[in-house]
Amino acid sequence: MSPMPTTFTRPILTPAAQAGVRPSSPLVSLTTDFGERDPSPAICRGVVLSIAPDVRLLDVSHEIAKYSIADGAQLLWCVLPYLPVGVHVAVVDPGVGTPRLPIGIRVARGDLLVGPDNGLLLPVAERLGGIVAVHALENPAYRLPEVSASFHGRDIFAPAGAHLALGVPLEDFGPAIDPAELARLPLPRAEVRPGALHTAVTYVDTFGNVKLAGERADLEAALGSLAPGDPLFGVVEGPGTGEEPARSGDAGGHGPARADRLSFGWQTTFGSVPPGMPLLYEDSYGRLCLAINQGDAGTAFGLVPGHRLLIQRG
């Protein structure tokens, strides 16, 4: 492999792009944990546009929590159903440079998902109708001429997304992979128990709203039919698999101190309670969410992803 050049006098293209693949104008979206302060997002945009100058390019987010594959998977799960069918490139890749495979997935809705085989793409693939085909991204014709060990977003994933947007068949990129062999994330799930729902914090948004595993149907399966104002409480358990509730004032090294028993009511919307009051509601994606009206529930309750919560009637 030749050394990386220090000057660039013309656009860096893949061999296939230099051969004159005709451009079209589908959507290519980009989702990463690169952060907007660094040059990486702009470089990936530039690679896509150099290969496929007429695509519609959409930045979903470059502010996923660093290295958090689960955060990236959840964001894709939330966003992609609301985007046009297109090519969606996602890079949250703490295993870059290791034997993990770069992959492309075709889903039943017609989208093409591009990223690392680390579980990032599977929740949204299932949400978009399920996997139709998976192929490894191995064909050097659709990579940049120099592939680094630390920036596959630039060298492999962005070029692959651009070529797929131009109509290159997914099958041309590399061998087929059995979907059953793909890496999967150990995402928490809600567990219905007699009189209680065992759930877990999956995400805390920028407002401090605490997203929980499970849906209203899971909660009602455990507690029975719910009406606005029904009193509930939650017993907080520490991150991991431990069953012991966290003690008051002990955050176990994860976030600020919090109480072990949290009281709140079931409501349909924030405005149903006064400012500063907590509530449990069904969010706009159908998930259970613990919030404080005009407040930050994550900070107030000391909850972070990985904490468990046992919800019962008050």
C-alpha atoms as a PDB file:
ATOM      1  CA  MET A   1       0.000   0.000   0.000  1.00  0.00           C
ATOM      2  CA  SER A   2       1.409   3.384  -0.975  1.00  0.00           C
ATOM      3  CA  PRO A   3       1.644   6.166   1.623  1.00  0.00           C
ATOM      4  CA  MET A   4      -1.182   8.680   2.015  1.00  0.00           C
ATOM      5  CA  PRO A   5      -0.486  11.736  -0.155  1.00  0.00           C
ATOM      6  CA  THR A   6       0.022  15.106   1.495  1.00  0.00           C
ATOM      7  CA  THR A   7      -1.516  17.136  -1.361  1.00  0.00           C
ATOM      8  CA  PHE A   8      -4.636  16.511  -3.420  1.00  0.00           C
ATOM      9  CA  THR A   9      -4.867  18.097  -6.850  1.00  0.00           C
ATOM     10  CA  ARG A  10      -8.119  16.485  -7.957  1.00  0.00           C
ATOM     11  CA  PRO A  11     -11.112  14.791  -6.304  1.00  0.00           C
ATOM     12  CA  ILE A  12     -10.441  11.423  -4.731  1.00  0.00           C
ATOM     13  CA  LEU A  13     -12.658   8.915  -6.514  1.00  0.00           C
ATOM     14  CA  THR A  14     -13.066   5.165  -6.488  1.00  0.00           C
ATOM     15  CA  PRO A  15     -12.085   3.225  -9.612  1.00  0.00           C
ATOM     16  CA  ALA A  16     -15.747   2.663 -10.438  1.00  0.00           C
ATOM     17  CA  ALA A  17     -16.518   6.381 -10.192  1.00  0.00           C
ATOM     18  CA  GLN A  18     -13.618   7.166 -12.499  1.00  0.00           C
ATOM     19  CA  ALA A  19     -15.110   4.731 -15.005  1.00  0.00           C
ATOM     20  CA  GLY A  20     -18.073   7.072 -15.355  1.00  0.00           C
ATOM     21  CA  VAL A  21     -21.037   5.622 -13.461  1.00  0.00           C
ATOM     22  CA  ARG A  22     -24.012   7.842 -14.362  1.00  0.00           C
ATOM     23  CA  PRO A  23     -25.319   9.891 -11.398  1.00  0.00           C
ATOM     24  CA  SER A  24     -28.915   9.982 -10.206  1.00  0.00           C
ATOM     25  CA  SER A  25     -30.639  11.861  -7.385  1.00  0.00           C
ATOM     26  CA  PRO A  26     -31.747   9.555  -4.577  1.00  0.00           C
ATOM     27  CA  LEU A  27     -31.349  10.270  -0.861  1.00  0.00           C
ATOM     28  CA  VAL A  28     -28.171   9.476   1.064  1.00  0.00           C
ATOM     29  CA  SER A  29     -28.283  10.035   4.831  1.00  0.00           C
ATOM     30  CA  LEU A  30     -25.319  10.152   7.212  1.00  0.00           C
ATOM     31  CA  THR A  31     -25.388   9.267  10.921  1.00  0.00           C
ATOM     32  CA  THR A  32     -22.209   9.134  13.036  1.00  0.00           C
ATOM     33  CA  ASP A  33     -20.627   9.818  16.415  1.00  0.00           C
ATOM     34  CA  PHE A  34     -17.903  11.955  14.811  1.00  0.00           C
ATOM     35  CA  GLY A  35     -19.058  15.302  16.208  1.00  0.00           C
ATOM     36  CA  GLU A  36     -19.422  18.451  14.125  1.00  0.00           C
ATOM     37  CA  ARG A  37     -16.267  20.100  15.544  1.00  0.00           C
ATOM     38  CA  ASP A  38     -14.048  17.580  13.770  1.00  0.00           C
ATOM     39  CA  PRO A  39     -13.563  17.415   9.986  1.00  0.00           C
ATOM     40  CA  SER A  40     -14.841  13.854   9.643  1.00  0.00           C
ATOM     41  CA  PRO A  41     -18.516  14.617   8.807  1.00  0.00           C
ATOM     42  CA  ALA A  42     -17.557  17.137   6.123  1.00  0.00           C
ATOM     43  CA  ILE A  43     -15.062  14.678   4.653  1.00  0.00           C
ATOM     44  CA  CYS A  44     -17.738  11.978   4.407  1.00  0.00           C
ATOM     45  CA  ARG A  45     -20.131  14.437   2.770  1.00  0.00           C
ATOM     46  CA  GLY A  46     -17.411  15.382   0.311  1.00  0.00           C
ATOM     47  CA  VAL A  47     -16.662  11.769  -0.571  1.00  0.00           C
ATOM     48  CA  VAL A  48     -20.341  11.078  -1.285  1.00  0.00           C
ATOM     49  CA  LEU A  49     -20.725  14.210  -3.401  1.00  0.00           C
ATOM     50  CA  SER A  50     -17.493  13.615  -5.319  1.00  0.00           C
ATOM     51  CA  ILE A  51     -18.795  10.207  -6.434  1.00  0.00           C
ATOM     52  CA  ALA A  52     -22.499  11.054  -6.747  1.00  0.00           C
ATOM     53  CA  PRO A  53     -22.799  14.844  -7.092  1.00  0.00           C
ATOM     54  CA  ASP A  54     -26.557  14.869  -7.694  1.00  0.00           C
ATOM     55  CA  VAL A  55     -27.696  12.960  -4.603  1.00  0.00           C
ATOM     56  CA  ARG A  56     -29.800  14.584  -1.915  1.00  0.00           C
ATOM     57  CA  LEU A  57     -27.536  14.441   1.126  1.00  0.00           C
ATOM     58  CA  LEU A  58     -29.046  14.553   4.608  1.00  0.00           C
ATOM     59  CA  ASP A  59     -27.167  14.686   7.912  1.00  0.00           C
ATOM     60  CA  VAL A  60     -29.254  12.831  10.495  1.00  0.00           C
ATOM     61  CA  SER A  61     -26.832  13.436  13.384  1.00  0.00           C
ATOM     62  CA  HIS A  62     -23.125  13.428  14.093  1.00  0.00           C
ATOM     63  CA  GLU A  63     -23.628  13.807  17.849  1.00  0.00           C
ATOM     64  CA  ILE A  64     -24.353  10.241  18.914  1.00  0.00           C
ATOM     65  CA  ALA A  65     -22.656   9.514  22.239  1.00  0.00           C
ATOM     66  CA  LYS A  66     -19.081   8.494  21.473  1.00  0.00           C
ATOM     67  CA  TYR A  67     -18.685   4.757  20.871  1.00  0.00           C
ATOM     68  CA  SER A  68     -22.303   4.089  21.902  1.00  0.00           C
ATOM     69  CA  ILE A  69     -23.597   1.603  19.357  1.00  0.00           C
ATOM     70  CA  ALA A  70     -26.854   1.330  21.313  1.00  0.00           C
ATOM     71  CA  ASP A  71     -27.460   5.108  21.131  1.00  0.00           C
ATOM     72  CA  GLY A  72     -26.834   5.035  17.397  1.00  0.00           C
ATOM     73  CA  ALA A  73     -29.142   2.070  16.905  1.00  0.00           C
ATOM     74  CA  GLN A  74     -31.909   3.808  18.831  1.00  0.00           C
ATOM     75  CA  LEU A  75     -31.533   7.034  16.856  1.00  0.00           C
ATOM     76  CA  LEU A  76     -31.737   5.163  13.539  1.00  0.00           C
ATOM     77  CA  TRP A  77     -34.756   3.250  14.818  1.00  0.00           C
ATOM     78  CA  CYS A  78     -36.488   6.543  15.598  1.00  0.00           C
ATOM     79  CA  VAL A  79     -35.535   8.519  12.496  1.00  0.00           C
ATOM     80  CA  LEU A  80     -35.325   6.323   9.414  1.00  0.00           C
ATOM     81  CA  PRO A  81     -38.995   5.391   9.179  1.00  0.00           C
ATOM     82  CA  TYR A  82     -39.710   9.102   8.664  1.00  0.00           C
ATOM     83  CA  LEU A  83     -37.145   9.547   5.886  1.00  0.00           C
ATOM     84  CA  PRO A  84     -37.720   8.781   2.216  1.00  0.00           C
ATOM     85  CA  VAL A  85     -36.581   5.385   1.032  1.00  0.00           C
ATOM     86  CA  GLY A  86     -32.889   5.794   0.339  1.00  0.00           C
ATOM     87  CA  VAL A  87     -29.355   4.816   1.213  1.00  0.00           C
ATOM     88  CA  HIS A  88     -28.566   5.314   4.891  1.00  0.00           C
ATOM     89  CA  VAL A  89     -24.936   5.327   6.012  1.00  0.00           C
ATOM     90  CA  ALA A  90     -24.342   4.929   9.748  1.00  0.00           C
ATOM     91  CA  VAL A  91     -20.957   4.852  11.479  1.00  0.00           C
ATOM     92  CA  VAL A  92     -20.597   4.226  15.195  1.00  0.00           C
ATOM     93  CA  ASP A  93     -17.634   1.946  14.972  1.00  0.00           C
ATOM     94  CA  PRO A  94     -15.407   1.420  18.017  1.00  0.00           C
ATOM     95  CA  GLY A  95     -14.172  -1.773  16.329  1.00  0.00           C
ATOM     96  CA  VAL A  96     -12.856   0.005  13.224  1.00  0.00           C
ATOM     97  CA  GLY A  97      -9.792  -1.755  11.840  1.00  0.00           C
ATOM     98  CA  THR A  98     -10.615  -5.080  13.527  1.00  0.00           C
ATOM     99  CA  PRO A  99     -11.968  -8.161  11.689  1.00  0.00           C
ATOM    100  CA  ARG A 100     -15.560  -6.917  12.045  1.00  0.00           C
ATOM    101  CA  LEU A 101     -17.106  -6.690   8.569  1.00  0.00           C
ATOM    102  CA  PRO A 102     -18.386  -3.621   6.731  1.00  0.00           C
ATOM    103  CA  ILE A 103     -21.842  -4.551   5.464  1.00  0.00           C
ATOM    104  CA  GLY A 104     -24.722  -3.386   3.316  1.00  0.00           C
ATOM    105  CA  ILE A 105     -28.292  -4.448   4.117  1.00  0.00           C
ATOM    106  CA  ARG A 106     -31.338  -4.296   1.850  1.00  0.00           C
ATOM    107  CA  VAL A 107     -34.586  -4.077   3.828  1.00  0.00           C
ATOM    108  CA  ALA A 108     -38.149  -4.825   2.830  1.00  0.00           C
ATOM    109  CA  ARG A 109     -39.077  -1.130   2.572  1.00  0.00           C
ATOM    110  CA  GLY A 110     -36.488  -0.762  -0.161  1.00  0.00           C
ATOM    111  CA  ASP A 111     -33.822   1.111   1.790  1.00  0.00           C
ATOM    112  CA  LEU A 112     -30.158   0.193   1.773  1.00  0.00           C
ATOM    113  CA  LEU A 113     -28.316   0.409   5.105  1.00  0.00           C
ATOM    114  CA  VAL A 114     -24.532   0.764   5.186  1.00  0.00           C
ATOM    115  CA  GLY A 115     -22.287   0.430   8.220  1.00  0.00           C
ATOM    116  CA  PRO A 116     -20.271  -1.901  10.443  1.00  0.00           C
ATOM    117  CA  ASP A 117     -21.455  -5.340  11.508  1.00  0.00           C
ATOM    118  CA  ASN A 118     -21.708  -4.525  15.197  1.00  0.00           C
ATOM    119  CA  GLY A 119     -25.466  -4.468  15.763  1.00  0.00           C
ATOM    120  CA  LEU A 120     -25.912  -0.808  14.831  1.00  0.00           C
ATOM    121  CA  LEU A 121     -28.153  -1.444  11.816  1.00  0.00           C
ATOM    122  CA  LEU A 122     -30.290  -4.373  12.952  1.00  0.00           C
ATOM    123  CA  PRO A 123     -33.004  -2.687  15.070  1.00  0.00           C
ATOM    124  CA  VAL A 124     -33.918  -0.275  12.275  1.00  0.00           C
ATOM    125  CA  ALA A 125     -33.614  -3.014   9.651  1.00  0.00           C
ATOM    126  CA  GLU A 126     -36.266  -4.912  11.519  1.00  0.00           C
ATOM    127  CA  ARG A 127     -38.345  -1.745  11.902  1.00  0.00           C
ATOM    128  CA  LEU A 128     -38.215  -1.186   8.132  1.00  0.00           C
ATOM    129  CA  GLY A 129     -39.759  -4.516   7.340  1.00  0.00           C
ATOM    130  CA  GLY A 130     -36.887  -6.891   7.961  1.00  0.00           C
ATOM    131  CA  ILE A 131     -33.739  -7.896   6.147  1.00  0.00           C
ATOM    132  CA  VAL A 132     -33.986  -8.975   2.520  1.00  0.00           C
ATOM    133  CA  ALA A 133     -30.270  -9.389   1.821  1.00  0.00           C
ATOM    134  CA  VAL A 134     -26.875  -8.678   3.406  1.00  0.00           C
ATOM    135  CA  HIS A 135     -23.551  -8.400   1.595  1.00  0.00           C
ATOM    136  CA  ALA A 136     -20.029  -7.695   2.754  1.00  0.00           C
ATOM    137  CA  LEU A 137     -18.538  -4.476   1.352  1.00  0.00           C
ATOM    138  CA  GLU A 138     -15.317  -5.958  -0.012  1.00  0.00           C
ATOM    139  CA  ASN A 139     -15.061  -4.955  -3.686  1.00  0.00           C
ATOM    140  CA  PRO A 140     -12.122  -2.514  -4.010  1.00  0.00           C
ATOM    141  CA  ALA A 141     -13.810  -0.828  -6.978  1.00  0.00           C
ATOM    142  CA  TYR A 142     -16.227   0.786  -4.540  1.00  0.00           C
ATOM    143  CA  ARG A 143     -13.688   1.893  -1.919  1.00  0.00           C
ATOM    144  CA  LEU A 144     -11.278   4.783  -1.939  1.00  0.00           C
ATOM    145  CA  PRO A 145      -7.878   3.783  -3.326  1.00  0.00           C
ATOM    146  CA  GLU A 146      -6.261   4.051   0.127  1.00  0.00           C
ATOM    147  CA  VAL A 147      -8.123   2.434   3.027  1.00  0.00           C
ATOM    148  CA  SER A 148      -6.946   3.477   6.475  1.00  0.00           C
ATOM    149  CA  ALA A 149      -7.238   1.371   9.606  1.00  0.00           C
ATOM    150  CA  SER A 150      -9.123   4.085  11.486  1.00  0.00           C
ATOM    151  CA  PHE A 151     -11.489   5.965   9.120  1.00  0.00           C
ATOM    152  CA  HIS A 152     -13.729   3.481   7.333  1.00  0.00           C
ATOM    153  CA  GLY A 153     -16.489   6.104   7.299  1.00  0.00           C
ATOM    154  CA  ARG A 154     -14.450   7.968   4.697  1.00  0.00           C
ATOM    155  CA  ASP A 155     -12.768   5.083   2.900  1.00  0.00           C
ATOM    156  CA  ILE A 156     -15.458   2.359   2.794  1.00  0.00           C
ATOM    157  CA  PHE A 157     -18.891   3.407   4.057  1.00  0.00           C
ATOM    158  CA  ALA A 158     -19.332   6.804   2.372  1.00  0.00           C
ATOM    159  CA  PRO A 159     -18.119   5.471  -1.015  1.00  0.00           C
ATOM    160  CA  ALA A 160     -20.394   2.433  -0.693  1.00  0.00           C
ATOM    161  CA  GLY A 161     -23.387   4.657   0.079  1.00  0.00           C
ATOM    162  CA  ALA A 162     -22.636   6.876  -2.904  1.00  0.00           C
ATOM    163  CA  HIS A 163     -22.318   3.945  -5.325  1.00  0.00           C
ATOM    164  CA  LEU A 164     -25.500   2.319  -4.040  1.00  0.00           C
ATOM    165  CA  ALA A 165     -27.274   5.632  -4.601  1.00  0.00           C
ATOM    166  CA  LEU A 166     -26.028   5.558  -8.189  1.00  0.00           C
ATOM    167  CA  GLY A 167     -27.709   2.205  -8.681  1.00  0.00           C
ATOM    168  CA  VAL A 168     -24.797  -0.216  -8.288  1.00  0.00           C
ATOM    169  CA  PRO A 169     -26.382  -3.527  -7.152  1.00  0.00           C
ATOM    170  CA  LEU A 170     -25.666  -4.504  -3.573  1.00  0.00           C
ATOM    171  CA  GLU A 171     -24.615  -7.915  -4.856  1.00  0.00           C
ATOM    172  CA  ASP A 172     -21.643  -6.319  -6.650  1.00  0.00           C
ATOM    173  CA  PHE A 173     -20.028  -5.243  -3.396  1.00  0.00           C
ATOM    174  CA  GLY A 174     -19.150  -8.660  -2.032  1.00  0.00           C
ATOM    175  CA  PRO A 175     -20.391 -12.045  -0.887  1.00  0.00           C
ATOM    176  CA  ALA A 176     -23.776 -12.619   0.673  1.00  0.00           C
ATOM    177  CA  ILE A 177     -23.959 -13.004   4.465  1.00  0.00           C
ATOM    178  CA  ASP A 178     -26.544 -15.027   6.357  1.00  0.00           C
ATOM    179  CA  PRO A 179     -28.527 -12.484   8.442  1.00  0.00           C
ATOM    180  CA  ALA A 180     -28.467 -14.949  11.339  1.00  0.00           C
ATOM    181  CA  GLU A 181     -24.685 -14.503  11.528  1.00  0.00           C
ATOM    182  CA  LEU A 182     -24.801 -10.734  12.038  1.00  0.00           C
ATOM    183  CA  ALA A 183     -23.747  -9.249  15.367  1.00  0.00           C
ATOM    184  CA  ARG A 184     -26.645  -8.280  17.611  1.00  0.00           C
ATOM    185  CA  LEU A 185     -26.817  -5.826  20.478  1.00  0.00           C
ATOM    186  CA  PRO A 186     -27.912  -7.056  23.912  1.00  0.00           C
ATOM    187  CA  LEU A 187     -30.646  -4.417  24.070  1.00  0.00           C
ATOM    188  CA  PRO A 188     -32.829  -4.426  27.204  1.00  0.00           C
ATOM    189  CA  ARG A 189     -36.404  -5.616  26.878  1.00  0.00           C
ATOM    190  CA  ALA A 190     -39.413  -5.137  29.093  1.00  0.00           C
ATOM    191  CA  GLU A 191     -40.398  -8.135  31.201  1.00  0.00           C
ATOM    192  CA  VAL A 192     -44.004  -8.503  32.345  1.00  0.00           C
ATOM    193  CA  ARG A 193     -44.352  -9.824  35.886  1.00  0.00           C
ATOM    194  CA  PRO A 194     -47.468 -10.264  38.034  1.00  0.00           C
ATOM    195  CA  GLY A 195     -48.289  -6.740  39.172  1.00  0.00           C
ATOM    196  CA  ALA A 196     -45.030  -5.229  37.935  1.00  0.00           C
ATOM    197  CA  LEU A 197     -43.135  -4.341  34.780  1.00  0.00           C
ATOM    198  CA  HIS A 198     -39.376  -4.899  34.834  1.00  0.00           C
ATOM    199  CA  THR A 199     -37.882  -2.393  32.400  1.00  0.00           C
ATOM    200  CA  ALA A 200     -34.626  -0.497  31.853  1.00  0.00           C
ATOM    201  CA  VAL A 201     -33.382   2.917  30.803  1.00  0.00           C
ATOM    202  CA  THR A 202     -32.378   2.827  27.135  1.00  0.00           C
ATOM    203  CA  TYR A 203     -31.731   6.517  26.452  1.00  0.00           C
ATOM    204  CA  VAL A 204     -31.949   9.970  28.016  1.00  0.00           C
ATOM    205  CA  ASP A 205     -32.771  12.699  25.494  1.00  0.00           C
ATOM    206  CA  THR A 206     -31.594  16.306  25.479  1.00  0.00           C
ATOM    207  CA  PHE A 207     -34.600  17.375  27.598  1.00  0.00           C
ATOM    208  CA  GLY A 208     -33.750  14.781  30.245  1.00  0.00           C
ATOM    209  CA  ASN A 209     -36.690  12.554  29.314  1.00  0.00           C
ATOM    210  CA  VAL A 210     -35.864   8.960  30.266  1.00  0.00           C
ATOM    211  CA  LYS A 211     -36.763   6.449  27.555  1.00  0.00           C
ATOM    212  CA  LEU A 212     -37.584   2.973  28.845  1.00  0.00           C
ATOM    213  CA  ALA A 213     -37.719  -0.466  27.280  1.00  0.00           C
ATOM    214  CA  GLY A 214     -41.268  -1.526  26.485  1.00  0.00           C
ATOM    215  CA  GLU A 215     -44.537  -0.010  25.398  1.00  0.00           C
ATOM    216  CA  ARG A 216     -47.870   0.858  26.989  1.00  0.00           C
ATOM    217  CA  ALA A 217     -49.177  -2.598  26.089  1.00  0.00           C
ATOM    218  CA  ASP A 218     -46.406  -4.157  28.183  1.00  0.00           C
ATOM    219  CA  LEU A 219     -47.225  -1.923  31.146  1.00  0.00           C
ATOM    220  CA  GLU A 220     -50.941  -2.701  30.939  1.00  0.00           C
ATOM    221  CA  ALA A 221     -50.200  -6.418  30.616  1.00  0.00           C
ATOM    222  CA  ALA A 222     -48.444  -6.149  33.973  1.00  0.00           C
ATOM    223  CA  LEU A 223     -50.676  -3.654  35.792  1.00  0.00           C
ATOM    224  CA  GLY A 224     -54.017  -3.742  34.007  1.00  0.00           C
ATOM    225  CA  SER A 225     -55.765  -0.901  32.197  1.00  0.00           C
ATOM    226  CA  LEU A 226     -54.344   2.552  32.896  1.00  0.00           C
ATOM    227  CA  ALA A 227     -56.176   5.860  33.166  1.00  0.00           C
ATOM    228  CA  PRO A 228     -54.650   9.360  33.341  1.00  0.00           C
ATOM    229  CA  GLY A 229     -53.641  10.146  36.889  1.00  0.00           C
ATOM    230  CA  ASP A 230     -53.230   6.547  38.063  1.00  0.00           C
ATOM    231  CA  PRO A 231     -50.462   6.607  40.695  1.00  0.00           C
ATOM    232  CA  LEU A 232     -47.370   4.481  40.014  1.00  0.00           C
ATOM    233  CA  PHE A 233     -43.946   4.042  41.510  1.00  0.00           C
ATOM    234  CA  GLY A 234     -40.642   2.659  40.323  1.00  0.00           C
ATOM    235  CA  VAL A 235     -37.893   0.880  42.233  1.00  0.00           C
ATOM    236  CA  VAL A 236     -34.477   1.675  40.756  1.00  0.00           C
ATOM    237  CA  GLU A 237     -31.918  -1.069  40.299  1.00  0.00           C
ATOM    238  CA  GLY A 238     -28.284  -0.489  39.350  1.00  0.00           C
ATOM    239  CA  PRO A 239     -26.767  -1.026  35.889  1.00  0.00           C
ATOM    240  CA  GLY A 240     -25.985  -4.552  34.779  1.00  0.00           C
ATOM    241  CA  THR A 241     -27.770  -7.676  35.921  1.00  0.00           C
ATOM    242  CA  GLY A 242     -27.853  -7.075  39.657  1.00  0.00           C
ATOM    243  CA  GLU A 243     -31.247  -7.435  41.338  1.00  0.00           C
ATOM    244  CA  GLU A 244     -30.585  -5.253  44.382  1.00  0.00           C
ATOM    245  CA  PRO A 245     -32.257  -1.831  44.267  1.00  0.00           C
ATOM    246  CA  ALA A 246     -29.858   1.083  44.534  1.00  0.00           C
ATOM    247  CA  ARG A 247     -29.829   2.703  47.956  1.00  0.00           C
ATOM    248  CA  SER A 248     -30.821   6.302  48.443  1.00  0.00           C
ATOM    249  CA  GLY A 249     -27.913   8.597  47.654  1.00  0.00           C
ATOM    250  CA  ASP A 250     -25.862   5.812  46.030  1.00  0.00           C
ATOM    251  CA  ALA A 251     -25.477   6.139  42.269  1.00  0.00           C
ATOM    252  CA  GLY A 252     -23.136   3.165  42.049  1.00  0.00           C
ATOM    253  CA  GLY A 253     -20.652   5.285  40.129  1.00  0.00           C
ATOM    254  CA  HIS A 254     -23.196   6.011  37.388  1.00  0.00           C
ATOM    255  CA  GLY A 255     -24.667   9.501  37.449  1.00  0.00           C
ATOM    256  CA  PRO A 256     -25.771  11.631  40.407  1.00  0.00           C
ATOM    257  CA  ALA A 257     -27.422  10.312  43.568  1.00  0.00           C
ATOM    258  CA  ARG A 258     -31.035   9.239  43.313  1.00  0.00           C
ATOM    259  CA  ALA A 259     -33.789   7.747  45.458  1.00  0.00           C
ATOM    260  CA  ASP A 260     -34.583   4.063  45.242  1.00  0.00           C
ATOM    261  CA  ARG A 261     -38.339   4.621  45.035  1.00  0.00           C
ATOM    262  CA  LEU A 262     -39.666   7.120  42.496  1.00  0.00           C
ATOM    263  CA  SER A 263     -43.311   8.221  42.582  1.00  0.00           C
ATOM    264  CA  PHE A 264     -45.117   9.414  39.455  1.00  0.00           C
ATOM    265  CA  GLY A 265     -48.461   9.163  37.709  1.00  0.00           C
ATOM    266  CA  TRP A 266     -49.539   7.764  34.379  1.00  0.00           C
ATOM    267  CA  GLN A 267     -50.440  10.634  32.030  1.00  0.00           C
ATOM    268  CA  THR A 268     -51.002  11.238  28.332  1.00  0.00           C
ATOM    269  CA  THR A 269     -49.074  14.503  28.025  1.00  0.00           C
ATOM    270  CA  PHE A 270     -46.756  16.881  29.927  1.00  0.00           C
ATOM    271  CA  GLY A 271     -49.401  19.546  30.413  1.00  0.00           C
ATOM    272  CA  SER A 272     -51.503  17.162  32.499  1.00  0.00           C
ATOM    273  CA  VAL A 273     -49.259  17.856  35.489  1.00  0.00           C
ATOM    274  CA  PRO A 274     -47.867  21.116  36.892  1.00  0.00           C
ATOM    275  CA  PRO A 275     -44.308  22.175  36.001  1.00  0.00           C
ATOM    276  CA  GLY A 276     -41.782  20.278  38.080  1.00  0.00           C
ATOM    277  CA  MET A 277     -43.985  17.210  38.524  1.00  0.00           C
ATOM    278  CA  PRO A 278     -43.001  13.760  37.213  1.00  0.00           C
ATOM    279  CA  LEU A 279     -45.062  11.595  34.893  1.00  0.00           C
ATOM    280  CA  LEU A 280     -44.871   8.357  32.950  1.00  0.00           C
ATOM    281  CA  TYR A 281     -46.302   8.543  29.438  1.00  0.00           C
ATOM    282  CA  GLU A 282     -46.229   6.965  25.993  1.00  0.00           C
ATOM    283  CA  ASP A 283     -43.831   8.954  23.820  1.00  0.00           C
ATOM    284  CA  SER A 284     -44.235   9.823  20.142  1.00  0.00           C
ATOM    285  CA  TYR A 285     -42.498   6.577  19.119  1.00  0.00           C
ATOM    286  CA  GLY A 286     -44.777   4.393  21.241  1.00  0.00           C
ATOM    287  CA  ARG A 287     -42.222   3.792  24.024  1.00  0.00           C
ATOM    288  CA  LEU A 288     -42.620   4.280  27.763  1.00  0.00           C
ATOM    289  CA  CYS A 289     -40.965   7.469  28.965  1.00  0.00           C
ATOM    290  CA  LEU A 290     -40.386   8.931  32.426  1.00  0.00           C
ATOM    291  CA  ALA A 291     -40.286  12.725  32.445  1.00  0.00           C
ATOM    292  CA  ILE A 292     -40.708  15.861  34.519  1.00  0.00           C
ATOM    293  CA  ASN A 293     -42.871  18.608  33.076  1.00  0.00           C
ATOM    294  CA  GLN A 294     -40.428  21.381  32.099  1.00  0.00           C
ATOM    295  CA  GLY A 295     -37.671  19.579  33.991  1.00  0.00           C
ATOM    296  CA  ASP A 296     -34.875  17.053  33.596  1.00  0.00           C
ATOM    297  CA  ALA A 297     -35.905  13.622  34.868  1.00  0.00           C
ATOM    298  CA  GLY A 298     -32.569  12.026  34.057  1.00  0.00           C
ATOM    299  CA  THR A 299     -30.683  14.408  36.326  1.00  0.00           C
ATOM    300  CA  ALA A 300     -33.358  14.629  39.007  1.00  0.00           C
ATOM    301  CA  PHE A 301     -33.606  10.853  39.368  1.00  0.00           C
ATOM    302  CA  GLY A 302     -29.955  10.089  38.580  1.00  0.00           C
ATOM    303  CA  LEU A 303     -30.926   7.705  35.792  1.00  0.00           C
ATOM    304  CA  VAL A 304     -28.622   6.680  32.974  1.00  0.00           C
ATOM    305  CA  PRO A 305     -28.807   3.944  30.323  1.00  0.00           C
ATOM    306  CA  GLY A 306     -28.354   0.593  32.017  1.00  0.00           C
ATOM    307  CA  HIS A 307     -30.345   1.374  35.157  1.00  0.00           C
ATOM    308  CA  ARG A 308     -33.261  -0.953  35.705  1.00  0.00           C
ATOM    309  CA  LEU A 309     -36.693   0.065  36.930  1.00  0.00           C
ATOM    310  CA  LEU A 310     -39.439  -2.078  38.447  1.00  0.00           C
ATOM    311  CA  ILE A 311     -42.750  -0.255  37.888  1.00  0.00           C
ATOM    312  CA  GLN A 312     -45.816  -1.000  40.048  1.00  0.00           C
ATOM    313  CA  ARG A 313     -49.054   0.686  41.005  1.00  0.00           C
ATOM    314  CA  GLY A 314     -48.760   3.268  43.738  1.00  0.00           C
END
